[in-house]
Amino acid sequence: MRTLFLRIASAVLCVCAITPSYAGMFDDDEARQALLNLREKTKTFQEETANRFEQNSRAMLDLQSQLTQLKDDSARLRGQNEALRNDLTQAQSALAEQKTRYQELDARLKKLEPQRVVVEGVEGLVGPMETGAYDAALKSFRDNEPKVAVGDFRDFLKRYPNSVYVPLAQFWMGNGLYAQRDYKSAMSILQAMIKAFPTHPKVPDAWAVVGSCQSESGQKQHARKTFEMIVQSYPGTPAAILAQQRLMSLK
C-alpha cells in the first residue's frame, strides 16, 4: 500500500513538473500562428495597396491623358474659333464691298432709268441718253450752228419718236431750217408740230415762225392771215406781240 502511494505521488510530481513545459509550447504556437496571420494580412494589405496604387496610377495617367487631350482640344477649338472669326471678318468685309458695289451699280442703273419730268408743261418719261441728245442739239442751235442743229434734231426724232421732247425738237428744227432760209421745209415741220400738239406751249411761237416764213418767201397774204390769227388766238403772248409788229411791217 505504501509502495502504491509512493508511486502515485511520484507520478503526480512528474506531471506537475512536465505541465509548465507543455504550456510554454502552447503559447509559442499561438504566437507563431498570430505572426503568420499577421504576415498574411500584411502581405494581403501590401498586395491590395499595390493594386490600388497601380489602379490609382493608371487612373492618374488616364486623367493626365484626358487633361492633355482637353488642352489639345481647347487649343484646336481656339484655333478654329480664331479661323471662324477671321472668316466672319472677311465675309463681312466682302459683304460690305458687295453692298457698296451694288449701291454704285444701282445708282448707275438709276441714272440710266427713265425719269418722269415736266418739259414745257408736258409730263413724260425721259431717259438720260434722250435728254443728252436733245440738249446737244439745242446747244448747236444756240451756238449759231443751225445746220448742225437741224441734223441733230432730225436724228433725235428718228431715235426717240415718242419722246416728250418731240414737239420741242420739231420746233427748234423748224427754227434751224428758217435760219437757213429753207422756208418750205421749216413751214412743213412746224405745221406738223402744230397739228400733232395743238395745245403745246410752243404752238404760238411756231405759228409766228410759220408767218415769218410766209412773209419772207413772198406769201404776204398768207402771212397776214397767220399773224392776225396769232393776235386773236393768243393775245398777250410774246408770239402775239411779234405778230402785231409783223402786221405793221406788212402794211
Foldseek 3Di string as FASTA:
>chain_A
DVVVVVVVVVVVVVCVVCVVVVVVVVVVVVVVVVVVVVVVVVVVVVVVVVVVVVVVVVVVVVVVVVVVVVVVVVVVVVVVVVVVVVVVVVVVVVVVVVVVVVVVVVVVVVLQFWDWDADQNRTDTDGPVLVVLLVVLVVCVVVVNLVSSLVSLVVSCVVCVPDPCNLVSLQSNLVSCVVVLVLVVSLVSLVVSCVVCVPGPCNLVSLLSNLVSCVVVVVLVVSLVSLVCSCVVPPPDPSVVSSVVVNVVSD
